[in-house]
């Protein structure tokens, strides 16, 4: 996914200002494609210049309100139909887990506790958003609800995994000769 396609999608559902778009983007698509204000506003300018969105009004304090054009919808359809998604996953926090063995167990557990707190924060934000948004308002919102459910389930699973990993570390899995994580007593790696 690219930022532009996420913006085209959200603006197809309802006209929004850059500010409103940024806020809704962070709580809906942010769990799969994070973006900052500093990325969103230049992209809105590009989409406007390309005729993929149009300014449809002004909000308070001169905020520009945008909506996706028919050309923008065509570009969104083309992106979905004609370009394969990138299935690669990059998670720096998980890359660091590969390296936890270099830390004493108490520091490794503190690392996981920090990650857990961050994932709980994300899950709480998603849960609050699910409760606060009218997901049946339009097609875009209903489709967004599918993705935000991915985020809810993803963070729930990450928290469960961290709890499991912390148990493994506490049981000595990172120590020389310690148990292999996930294997029962007496089991060996094949």
N, C-alpha and C. Protein backbone atom coordinates (compact mmCIF):
# COMPACT_ATOMS: atom_id res chain seq x y z
N UNK A 1 0.85 -1.18 0.00
CA UNK A 1 0.00 0.00 0.00
C UNK A 1 0.88 1.22 0.00
N UNK A 2 0.42 2.24 -0.62
CA UNK A 2 1.14 3.50 -0.53
C UNK A 2 0.25 4.50 0.16
N UNK A 3 0.86 5.51 0.67
CA UNK A 3 0.11 6.57 1.36
C UNK A 3 -0.95 7.14 0.44
N UNK A 4 -0.63 7.35 -0.81
CA UNK A 4 -1.59 7.97 -1.72
C UNK A 4 -2.85 7.13 -1.85
N UNK A 5 -2.72 5.83 -1.88
CA UNK A 5 -3.89 4.98 -2.04
C UNK A 5 -4.74 4.99 -0.78
N UNK A 6 -4.09 5.03 0.36
CA UNK A 6 -4.84 5.16 1.62
C UNK A 6 -5.63 6.45 1.67
N UNK A 7 -5.01 7.54 1.23
CA UNK A 7 -5.69 8.84 1.22
C UNK A 7 -6.85 8.84 0.22
N UNK A 8 -6.61 8.28 -0.96
CA UNK A 8 -7.69 8.20 -1.95
C UNK A 8 -8.87 7.42 -1.38
N UNK A 9 -8.58 6.34 -0.70
CA UNK A 9 -9.63 5.52 -0.11
C UNK A 9 -10.44 6.31 0.91
N UNK A 10 -9.77 6.91 1.86
CA UNK A 10 -10.49 7.63 2.92
C UNK A 10 -11.28 8.80 2.37
N UNK A 11 -10.72 9.52 1.42
CA UNK A 11 -11.42 10.68 0.85
C UNK A 11 -12.55 10.27 -0.08
N UNK A 12 -12.58 9.02 -0.51
CA UNK A 12 -13.71 8.55 -1.32
C UNK A 12 -14.94 8.36 -0.44
N UNK A 13 -14.72 8.10 0.84
CA UNK A 13 -15.84 7.88 1.75
C UNK A 13 -16.54 9.13 2.18
N UNK A 14 -15.77 10.18 2.40
CA UNK A 14 -16.34 11.45 2.84
C UNK A 14 -15.31 12.56 2.67
N UNK A 15 -15.77 13.75 2.36
CA UNK A 15 -14.83 14.87 2.27
C UNK A 15 -14.21 15.15 3.65
N UNK A 16 -12.92 15.43 3.66
CA UNK A 16 -12.23 15.72 4.92
C UNK A 16 -11.14 16.76 4.68
N UNK A 17 -10.83 17.47 5.74
CA UNK A 17 -9.68 18.37 5.71
C UNK A 17 -8.44 17.53 5.95
N UNK A 18 -7.29 18.10 5.66
CA UNK A 18 -6.04 17.41 5.92
C UNK A 18 -5.90 17.03 7.38
N UNK A 19 -6.32 17.91 8.26
CA UNK A 19 -6.25 17.65 9.70
C UNK A 19 -7.14 16.47 10.07
N UNK A 20 -8.40 16.50 9.63
CA UNK A 20 -9.32 15.41 9.95
C UNK A 20 -8.85 14.10 9.32
N UNK A 21 -8.35 14.19 8.12
CA UNK A 21 -7.84 13.03 7.42
C UNK A 21 -6.67 12.41 8.19
N UNK A 22 -5.77 13.24 8.64
CA UNK A 22 -4.61 12.77 9.39
C UNK A 22 -5.04 12.06 10.67
N UNK A 23 -5.99 12.65 11.37
CA UNK A 23 -6.49 12.04 12.62
C UNK A 23 -7.14 10.69 12.34
N UNK A 24 -8.02 10.62 11.33
CA UNK A 24 -8.71 9.37 11.05
C UNK A 24 -7.75 8.34 10.48
N UNK A 25 -6.80 8.78 9.67
CA UNK A 25 -5.80 7.87 9.11
C UNK A 25 -5.04 7.18 10.24
N UNK A 26 -4.63 7.93 11.25
CA UNK A 26 -3.81 7.37 12.32
C UNK A 26 -4.54 6.29 13.10
N UNK A 27 -5.85 6.40 13.26
CA UNK A 27 -6.57 5.41 14.04
C UNK A 27 -7.20 4.31 13.19
N UNK A 28 -7.24 4.49 11.88
CA UNK A 28 -7.82 3.44 11.05
C UNK A 28 -6.72 2.71 10.29
N UNK A 29 -6.02 3.39 9.41
CA UNK A 29 -4.98 2.74 8.60
C UNK A 29 -3.62 2.73 9.28
N UNK A 30 -3.48 3.51 10.33
CA UNK A 30 -2.19 3.64 10.99
C UNK A 30 -1.62 2.34 11.51
N UNK A 31 -2.47 1.35 11.76
CA UNK A 31 -1.94 0.08 12.26
C UNK A 31 -1.35 -0.78 11.14
N UNK A 32 -1.58 -0.42 9.88
CA UNK A 32 -0.96 -1.15 8.78
C UNK A 32 -0.03 -0.27 7.93
N UNK A 33 -0.24 1.04 7.99
CA UNK A 33 0.60 1.95 7.20
C UNK A 33 0.67 3.30 7.92
N UNK A 34 1.58 3.45 8.86
CA UNK A 34 1.65 4.71 9.60
C UNK A 34 2.11 5.88 8.71
N UNK A 35 1.57 7.04 8.99
CA UNK A 35 1.96 8.26 8.26
C UNK A 35 1.84 9.46 9.18
N UNK A 36 2.71 10.40 9.00
CA UNK A 36 2.72 11.63 9.78
C UNK A 36 2.07 12.76 8.99
N UNK A 37 1.70 13.84 9.72
CA UNK A 37 1.16 15.04 9.06
C UNK A 37 2.10 15.50 7.95
N UNK A 38 3.40 15.46 8.26
CA UNK A 38 4.40 15.96 7.32
C UNK A 38 4.45 15.14 6.03
N UNK A 39 3.93 13.93 6.04
CA UNK A 39 3.86 13.11 4.83
C UNK A 39 2.51 13.31 4.12
N UNK A 40 1.47 13.51 4.89
CA UNK A 40 0.12 13.58 4.34
C UNK A 40 -0.10 14.85 3.53
N UNK A 41 0.30 15.99 4.06
CA UNK A 41 0.01 17.25 3.37
C UNK A 41 0.69 17.36 2.00
N UNK A 42 1.97 16.99 1.86
CA UNK A 42 2.56 17.03 0.52
C UNK A 42 1.87 16.05 -0.45
N UNK A 43 1.45 14.91 0.08
CA UNK A 43 0.77 13.94 -0.79
C UNK A 43 -0.59 14.48 -1.23
N UNK A 44 -1.28 15.20 -0.37
CA UNK A 44 -2.55 15.83 -0.76
C UNK A 44 -2.31 16.82 -1.90
N UNK A 45 -1.23 17.57 -1.82
CA UNK A 45 -0.92 18.53 -2.89
C UNK A 45 -0.65 17.80 -4.21
N UNK A 46 0.08 16.68 -4.15
CA UNK A 46 0.36 15.90 -5.37
C UNK A 46 -0.93 15.32 -5.95
N UNK A 47 -1.77 14.77 -5.09
CA UNK A 47 -3.02 14.17 -5.56
C UNK A 47 -3.93 15.23 -6.19
N UNK A 48 -3.92 16.43 -5.63
CA UNK A 48 -4.72 17.52 -6.20
C UNK A 48 -4.16 17.92 -7.57
N UNK A 49 -2.84 18.06 -7.65
CA UNK A 49 -2.21 18.44 -8.92
C UNK A 49 -2.46 17.40 -10.01
N UNK A 50 -2.56 16.13 -9.61
CA UNK A 50 -2.80 15.05 -10.58
C UNK A 50 -4.29 14.86 -10.89
N UNK A 51 -5.15 15.62 -10.22
CA UNK A 51 -6.58 15.52 -10.46
C UNK A 51 -7.22 14.30 -9.82
N UNK A 52 -6.53 13.67 -8.87
CA UNK A 52 -7.07 12.48 -8.22
C UNK A 52 -7.95 12.80 -7.02
N UNK A 53 -7.75 14.00 -6.47
CA UNK A 53 -8.65 14.55 -5.46
C UNK A 53 -8.92 16.00 -5.83
N UNK A 54 -9.98 16.54 -5.27
CA UNK A 54 -10.31 17.95 -5.53
C UNK A 54 -10.70 18.61 -4.22
N UNK A 55 -10.37 19.88 -4.12
CA UNK A 55 -10.83 20.65 -2.97
C UNK A 55 -12.32 20.92 -3.17
N UNK A 56 -13.12 20.54 -2.17
CA UNK A 56 -14.57 20.69 -2.29
C UNK A 56 -15.14 21.74 -1.35
N UNK A 57 -14.30 22.33 -0.54
CA UNK A 57 -14.78 23.36 0.38
C UNK A 57 -13.68 23.78 1.33
N UNK A 58 -14.07 24.62 2.28
CA UNK A 58 -13.15 25.07 3.32
C UNK A 58 -13.81 24.89 4.66
N UNK A 59 -13.00 24.47 5.62
CA UNK A 59 -13.48 24.30 6.98
C UNK A 59 -13.04 25.46 7.84
N UNK A 60 -13.17 25.31 9.15
CA UNK A 60 -12.75 26.36 10.07
C UNK A 60 -11.27 26.71 9.88
N UNK A 61 -10.94 27.96 10.10
CA UNK A 61 -9.57 28.47 10.01
C UNK A 61 -8.92 28.19 8.66
N UNK A 62 -9.72 28.20 7.60
CA UNK A 62 -9.19 28.04 6.26
C UNK A 62 -8.77 26.64 5.89
N UNK A 63 -9.18 25.64 6.66
CA UNK A 63 -8.83 24.26 6.32
C UNK A 63 -9.46 23.89 4.99
N UNK A 64 -8.66 23.31 4.13
CA UNK A 64 -9.17 22.85 2.84
C UNK A 64 -9.80 21.48 3.02
N UNK A 65 -10.96 21.29 2.41
CA UNK A 65 -11.66 20.01 2.46
C UNK A 65 -11.52 19.35 1.09
N UNK A 66 -11.14 18.07 1.09
CA UNK A 66 -10.86 17.34 -0.14
C UNK A 66 -11.79 16.15 -0.28
N UNK A 67 -11.97 15.71 -1.54
CA UNK A 67 -12.68 14.47 -1.82
C UNK A 67 -12.05 13.83 -3.06
N UNK A 68 -12.10 12.51 -3.09
CA UNK A 68 -11.57 11.77 -4.22
C UNK A 68 -12.43 12.01 -5.46
N UNK A 69 -11.76 12.20 -6.60
CA UNK A 69 -12.47 12.40 -7.87
C UNK A 69 -12.70 11.04 -8.54
N UNK A 70 -13.44 11.05 -9.64
CA UNK A 70 -13.62 9.81 -10.42
C UNK A 70 -12.28 9.28 -10.90
N UNK A 71 -11.37 10.18 -11.29
CA UNK A 71 -10.03 9.74 -11.71
C UNK A 71 -9.29 9.10 -10.54
N UNK A 72 -9.50 9.61 -9.35
CA UNK A 72 -8.88 9.02 -8.16
C UNK A 72 -9.42 7.64 -7.87
N UNK A 73 -10.74 7.47 -8.04
CA UNK A 73 -11.33 6.14 -7.85
C UNK A 73 -10.80 5.16 -8.89
N UNK A 74 -10.63 5.63 -10.12
CA UNK A 74 -10.07 4.78 -11.18
C UNK A 74 -8.63 4.38 -10.84
N UNK A 75 -7.86 5.31 -10.31
CA UNK A 75 -6.48 5.01 -9.91
C UNK A 75 -6.46 3.99 -8.77
N UNK A 76 -7.38 4.12 -7.84
CA UNK A 76 -7.48 3.19 -6.73
C UNK A 76 -7.84 1.78 -7.24
N UNK A 77 -8.81 1.71 -8.14
CA UNK A 77 -9.19 0.42 -8.73
C UNK A 77 -8.01 -0.20 -9.48
N UNK A 78 -7.31 0.61 -10.24
CA UNK A 78 -6.16 0.12 -11.01
C UNK A 78 -5.09 -0.43 -10.08
N UNK A 79 -4.82 0.27 -9.01
CA UNK A 79 -3.82 -0.17 -8.04
C UNK A 79 -4.22 -1.53 -7.46
N UNK A 80 -5.50 -1.69 -7.10
CA UNK A 80 -5.97 -2.96 -6.54
C UNK A 80 -5.90 -4.10 -7.56
N UNK A 81 -6.25 -3.80 -8.80
CA UNK A 81 -6.32 -4.84 -9.83
C UNK A 81 -4.97 -5.18 -10.45
N UNK A 82 -4.12 -4.19 -10.64
CA UNK A 82 -2.96 -4.35 -11.51
C UNK A 82 -1.61 -4.47 -10.82
N UNK A 83 -1.52 -4.17 -9.54
CA UNK A 83 -0.20 -4.25 -8.90
C UNK A 83 -0.26 -5.19 -7.70
N UNK A 84 0.65 -6.15 -7.67
CA UNK A 84 0.64 -7.10 -6.54
C UNK A 84 1.12 -6.40 -5.26
N UNK A 85 0.57 -6.81 -4.13
CA UNK A 85 1.01 -6.21 -2.87
C UNK A 85 2.41 -6.68 -2.48
N UNK A 86 3.05 -5.91 -1.64
CA UNK A 86 4.33 -6.27 -1.06
C UNK A 86 4.04 -7.08 0.21
N UNK A 87 4.36 -8.35 0.20
CA UNK A 87 4.06 -9.20 1.35
C UNK A 87 5.20 -9.26 2.37
N UNK A 88 6.29 -8.54 2.11
CA UNK A 88 7.40 -8.57 3.06
C UNK A 88 7.00 -7.87 4.35
N UNK A 89 7.58 -8.33 5.43
CA UNK A 89 7.29 -7.76 6.75
C UNK A 89 8.59 -7.29 7.35
N UNK A 90 8.60 -6.07 7.81
CA UNK A 90 9.77 -5.54 8.51
C UNK A 90 9.29 -5.03 9.86
N UNK A 91 9.85 -5.64 10.91
CA UNK A 91 9.52 -5.19 12.25
C UNK A 91 10.81 -5.10 13.05
N UNK A 92 11.26 -3.88 13.25
CA UNK A 92 12.52 -3.71 13.96
C UNK A 92 12.46 -4.30 15.36
N UNK A 93 11.32 -4.14 16.03
CA UNK A 93 11.21 -4.68 17.39
C UNK A 93 11.44 -6.19 17.40
N UNK A 94 10.92 -6.90 16.40
CA UNK A 94 11.11 -8.35 16.35
C UNK A 94 12.54 -8.71 15.92
N UNK A 95 13.14 -7.89 15.07
CA UNK A 95 14.54 -8.12 14.71
C UNK A 95 15.40 -8.07 15.96
N UNK A 96 15.09 -7.16 16.85
CA UNK A 96 15.86 -7.04 18.09
C UNK A 96 15.70 -8.27 18.99
N UNK A 97 14.55 -8.94 18.90
CA UNK A 97 14.34 -10.14 19.70
C UNK A 97 15.37 -11.21 19.32
N UNK A 98 15.75 -11.27 18.05
CA UNK A 98 16.79 -12.20 17.64
C UNK A 98 18.08 -11.98 18.43
N UNK A 99 18.28 -10.76 18.91
CA UNK A 99 19.53 -10.40 19.56
C UNK A 99 19.43 -10.36 21.09
N UNK A 100 18.30 -10.71 21.65
CA UNK A 100 18.12 -10.62 23.10
C UNK A 100 19.11 -11.48 23.89
N UNK A 101 19.66 -12.49 23.26
CA UNK A 101 20.59 -13.37 23.96
C UNK A 101 21.82 -12.64 24.48
N UNK A 102 22.14 -11.45 23.90
CA UNK A 102 23.34 -10.72 24.35
C UNK A 102 23.08 -9.94 25.64
N UNK A 103 21.83 -9.87 26.07
CA UNK A 103 21.49 -9.15 27.29
C UNK A 103 21.32 -10.12 28.46
N UNK A 104 21.57 -9.63 29.67
CA UNK A 104 21.22 -10.46 30.83
C UNK A 104 19.69 -10.67 30.85
N UNK A 105 19.22 -11.77 31.41
CA UNK A 105 17.79 -12.07 31.39
C UNK A 105 16.90 -10.94 31.91
N UNK A 106 17.33 -10.24 32.96
CA UNK A 106 16.49 -9.16 33.49
C UNK A 106 16.34 -8.02 32.48
N UNK A 107 17.40 -7.73 31.72
CA UNK A 107 17.30 -6.69 30.68
C UNK A 107 16.46 -7.17 29.50
N UNK A 108 16.58 -8.44 29.14
CA UNK A 108 15.76 -9.00 28.06
C UNK A 108 14.29 -8.93 28.45
N UNK A 109 13.97 -9.25 29.69
CA UNK A 109 12.58 -9.16 30.17
C UNK A 109 12.10 -7.72 30.18
N UNK A 110 12.97 -6.79 30.55
CA UNK A 110 12.60 -5.37 30.54
C UNK A 110 12.34 -4.90 29.11
N UNK A 111 13.14 -5.40 28.16
CA UNK A 111 12.91 -5.07 26.76
C UNK A 111 11.52 -5.52 26.33
N UNK A 112 11.18 -6.76 26.65
CA UNK A 112 9.86 -7.29 26.29
C UNK A 112 8.74 -6.53 27.01
N UNK A 113 8.96 -6.15 28.25
CA UNK A 113 7.94 -5.40 29.00
C UNK A 113 7.69 -4.04 28.35
N UNK A 114 8.75 -3.41 27.86
CA UNK A 114 8.59 -2.13 27.16
C UNK A 114 7.77 -2.31 25.88
N UNK A 115 8.10 -3.35 25.11
CA UNK A 115 7.34 -3.63 23.90
C UNK A 115 5.88 -3.93 24.24
N UNK A 116 5.67 -4.73 25.28
CA UNK A 116 4.30 -5.08 25.67
C UNK A 116 3.49 -3.83 25.99
N UNK A 117 4.09 -2.92 26.74
CA UNK A 117 3.38 -1.68 27.09
C UNK A 117 3.01 -0.89 25.83
N UNK A 118 3.90 -0.86 24.85
CA UNK A 118 3.61 -0.15 23.60
C UNK A 118 2.48 -0.84 22.84
N UNK A 119 2.49 -2.16 22.79
CA UNK A 119 1.43 -2.89 22.09
C UNK A 119 0.09 -2.74 22.80
N UNK A 120 0.11 -2.71 24.13
CA UNK A 120 -1.14 -2.47 24.89
C UNK A 120 -1.66 -1.07 24.58
N UNK A 121 -0.77 -0.10 24.47
CA UNK A 121 -1.19 1.26 24.14
C UNK A 121 -1.87 1.28 22.77
N UNK A 122 -1.27 0.61 21.79
CA UNK A 122 -1.89 0.55 20.45
C UNK A 122 -3.24 -0.16 20.50
N UNK A 123 -3.30 -1.27 21.22
CA UNK A 123 -4.56 -2.01 21.32
C UNK A 123 -5.64 -1.17 21.99
N UNK A 124 -5.28 -0.43 23.04
CA UNK A 124 -6.25 0.43 23.70
C UNK A 124 -6.78 1.51 22.77
N UNK A 125 -5.90 2.09 21.96
CA UNK A 125 -6.31 3.11 20.99
C UNK A 125 -7.26 2.51 19.95
N UNK A 126 -6.92 1.35 19.45
CA UNK A 126 -7.78 0.68 18.47
C UNK A 126 -9.13 0.34 19.08
N UNK A 127 -9.13 -0.18 20.29
CA UNK A 127 -10.37 -0.54 20.97
C UNK A 127 -11.25 0.68 21.17
N UNK A 128 -10.65 1.79 21.57
CA UNK A 128 -11.41 3.03 21.75
C UNK A 128 -11.97 3.53 20.41
N UNK A 129 -11.18 3.41 19.35
CA UNK A 129 -11.63 3.83 18.03
C UNK A 129 -12.80 2.97 17.56
N UNK A 130 -12.68 1.67 17.76
CA UNK A 130 -13.77 0.77 17.36
C UNK A 130 -15.07 1.19 18.04
N UNK A 131 -14.99 1.55 19.30
CA UNK A 131 -16.18 1.95 20.05
C UNK A 131 -16.70 3.32 19.63
N UNK A 132 -15.83 4.20 19.15
CA UNK A 132 -16.22 5.59 18.91
C UNK A 132 -16.69 5.89 17.49
N UNK A 133 -16.32 5.08 16.52
CA UNK A 133 -16.60 5.38 15.12
C UNK A 133 -17.87 4.67 14.67
N UNK A 134 -18.65 5.35 13.84
CA UNK A 134 -19.81 4.74 13.20
C UNK A 134 -19.31 4.01 11.96
N UNK A 135 -19.05 2.71 12.10
CA UNK A 135 -18.44 1.93 11.03
C UNK A 135 -19.42 1.64 9.90
N UNK A 136 -20.70 1.82 10.14
CA UNK A 136 -21.69 1.58 9.10
C UNK A 136 -22.02 2.79 8.28
N UNK A 137 -21.33 3.90 8.53
CA UNK A 137 -21.64 5.18 7.88
C UNK A 137 -21.57 5.12 6.35
N UNK A 138 -20.57 4.42 5.83
CA UNK A 138 -20.41 4.31 4.38
C UNK A 138 -19.52 3.12 4.05
N UNK A 139 -19.36 2.84 2.76
CA UNK A 139 -18.57 1.69 2.33
C UNK A 139 -17.12 1.77 2.80
N UNK A 140 -16.55 2.95 2.75
CA UNK A 140 -15.15 3.11 3.15
C UNK A 140 -15.00 2.77 4.62
N UNK A 141 -15.92 3.24 5.45
CA UNK A 141 -15.83 2.94 6.88
C UNK A 141 -16.01 1.44 7.13
N UNK A 142 -16.95 0.81 6.43
CA UNK A 142 -17.15 -0.63 6.64
C UNK A 142 -15.90 -1.40 6.22
N UNK A 143 -15.30 -1.01 5.12
CA UNK A 143 -14.07 -1.66 4.68
C UNK A 143 -12.93 -1.38 5.66
N UNK A 144 -12.87 -0.15 6.17
CA UNK A 144 -11.84 0.20 7.16
C UNK A 144 -11.98 -0.65 8.42
N UNK A 145 -13.21 -1.00 8.74
CA UNK A 145 -13.45 -1.82 9.94
C UNK A 145 -12.77 -3.18 9.80
N UNK A 146 -12.70 -3.71 8.58
CA UNK A 146 -11.98 -4.96 8.36
C UNK A 146 -10.51 -4.81 8.74
N UNK A 147 -9.91 -3.71 8.30
CA UNK A 147 -8.49 -3.49 8.54
C UNK A 147 -8.22 -3.18 10.01
N UNK A 148 -9.09 -2.41 10.64
CA UNK A 148 -8.84 -2.09 12.05
C UNK A 148 -9.00 -3.34 12.90
N UNK A 149 -9.84 -4.26 12.46
CA UNK A 149 -9.94 -5.55 13.17
C UNK A 149 -8.64 -6.33 13.05
N UNK A 150 -7.98 -6.22 11.90
CA UNK A 150 -6.65 -6.82 11.76
C UNK A 150 -5.73 -6.25 12.84
N UNK A 151 -5.73 -4.93 13.00
CA UNK A 151 -4.88 -4.30 14.01
C UNK A 151 -5.21 -4.77 15.41
N UNK A 152 -6.50 -4.89 15.72
CA UNK A 152 -6.91 -5.35 17.05
C UNK A 152 -6.40 -6.76 17.29
N UNK A 153 -6.59 -7.62 16.32
CA UNK A 153 -6.15 -9.01 16.48
C UNK A 153 -4.62 -9.12 16.49
N UNK A 154 -3.96 -8.33 15.66
CA UNK A 154 -2.50 -8.34 15.59
C UNK A 154 -1.89 -7.97 16.94
N UNK A 155 -2.34 -6.86 17.53
CA UNK A 155 -1.78 -6.45 18.81
C UNK A 155 -2.16 -7.40 19.93
N UNK A 156 -3.34 -7.98 19.87
CA UNK A 156 -3.73 -8.98 20.86
C UNK A 156 -2.78 -10.18 20.80
N UNK A 157 -2.48 -10.63 19.59
CA UNK A 157 -1.55 -11.76 19.42
C UNK A 157 -0.13 -11.39 19.83
N UNK A 158 0.31 -10.16 19.50
CA UNK A 158 1.66 -9.74 19.92
C UNK A 158 1.78 -9.74 21.44
N UNK A 159 0.78 -9.27 22.12
CA UNK A 159 0.80 -9.24 23.58
C UNK A 159 0.87 -10.67 24.12
N UNK A 160 0.06 -11.55 23.56
CA UNK A 160 0.11 -12.96 23.98
C UNK A 160 1.47 -13.59 23.72
N UNK A 161 2.06 -13.27 22.55
CA UNK A 161 3.38 -13.80 22.24
C UNK A 161 4.42 -13.27 23.22
N UNK A 162 4.36 -11.98 23.56
CA UNK A 162 5.33 -11.42 24.51
C UNK A 162 5.21 -12.10 25.87
N UNK A 163 3.99 -12.35 26.32
CA UNK A 163 3.80 -13.04 27.59
C UNK A 163 4.46 -14.42 27.54
N UNK A 164 4.27 -15.14 26.41
CA UNK A 164 4.88 -16.45 26.24
C UNK A 164 6.41 -16.33 26.22
N UNK A 165 6.94 -15.38 25.45
CA UNK A 165 8.40 -15.21 25.34
C UNK A 165 9.01 -14.85 26.70
N UNK A 166 8.32 -14.02 27.46
CA UNK A 166 8.83 -13.65 28.80
C UNK A 166 8.89 -14.89 29.70
N UNK A 167 7.89 -15.76 29.60
CA UNK A 167 7.91 -17.01 30.37
C UNK A 167 9.10 -17.86 29.97
N UNK A 168 9.39 -17.92 28.67
CA UNK A 168 10.53 -18.72 28.19
C UNK A 168 11.85 -18.16 28.72
N UNK A 169 11.99 -16.85 28.68
CA UNK A 169 13.23 -16.23 29.18
C UNK A 169 13.35 -16.44 30.68
N UNK A 170 12.25 -16.25 31.40
CA UNK A 170 12.27 -16.45 32.86
C UNK A 170 12.63 -17.90 33.21
N UNK A 171 12.29 -18.84 32.33
CA UNK A 171 12.62 -20.26 32.56
C UNK A 171 14.06 -20.58 32.16
N UNK A 172 14.81 -19.59 31.67
CA UNK A 172 16.21 -19.79 31.36
C UNK A 172 16.52 -20.06 29.90
N UNK A 173 15.60 -19.81 29.00
CA UNK A 173 15.80 -20.14 27.58
C UNK A 173 16.98 -19.41 26.95
N UNK A 174 17.37 -18.26 27.45
CA UNK A 174 18.50 -17.53 26.85
C UNK A 174 19.84 -17.90 27.47
N UNK A 175 19.82 -18.72 28.47
CA UNK A 175 21.05 -19.11 29.16
C UNK A 175 21.70 -20.29 28.45
N UNK A 176 23.03 -20.37 28.46
CA UNK A 176 23.70 -21.54 27.85
C UNK A 176 23.15 -22.83 28.47
N UNK A 177 22.75 -23.77 27.62
CA UNK A 177 22.21 -25.03 28.10
C UNK A 177 20.77 -24.96 28.57
N UNK A 178 20.15 -23.78 28.47
CA UNK A 178 18.77 -23.61 28.92
C UNK A 178 17.80 -24.31 27.98
N UNK A 179 16.54 -24.35 28.39
CA UNK A 179 15.54 -25.02 27.54
C UNK A 179 15.34 -24.27 26.23
N UNK A 180 15.04 -25.05 25.19
CA UNK A 180 14.74 -24.45 23.89
C UNK A 180 13.30 -23.93 23.93
N UNK A 181 13.09 -22.65 23.62
CA UNK A 181 11.73 -22.11 23.67
C UNK A 181 10.73 -22.92 22.84
N UNK A 182 9.62 -23.25 23.46
CA UNK A 182 8.55 -23.93 22.77
C UNK A 182 8.66 -25.45 22.73
N UNK A 183 9.78 -25.99 23.15
CA UNK A 183 9.91 -27.45 23.16
C UNK A 183 9.62 -27.96 24.56
N UNK A 184 8.96 -29.08 24.63
CA UNK A 184 8.68 -29.68 25.92
C UNK A 184 9.94 -30.30 26.49
N UNK A 185 9.93 -30.58 27.76
CA UNK A 185 11.09 -31.18 28.43
C UNK A 185 11.47 -32.46 27.69
N UNK A 186 12.74 -32.63 27.42
CA UNK A 186 13.24 -33.83 26.77
C UNK A 186 13.21 -33.81 25.25
N UNK A 187 12.49 -32.85 24.67
CA UNK A 187 12.41 -32.78 23.21
C UNK A 187 13.70 -32.17 22.66
N UNK A 188 14.07 -32.59 21.46
CA UNK A 188 15.30 -32.06 20.84
C UNK A 188 14.94 -31.45 19.50
N UNK A 189 15.80 -30.52 19.08
CA UNK A 189 15.62 -29.96 17.75
C UNK A 189 16.01 -31.03 16.74
N UNK A 190 15.22 -31.11 15.62
CA UNK A 190 15.45 -32.12 14.60
C UNK A 190 16.57 -31.77 13.74
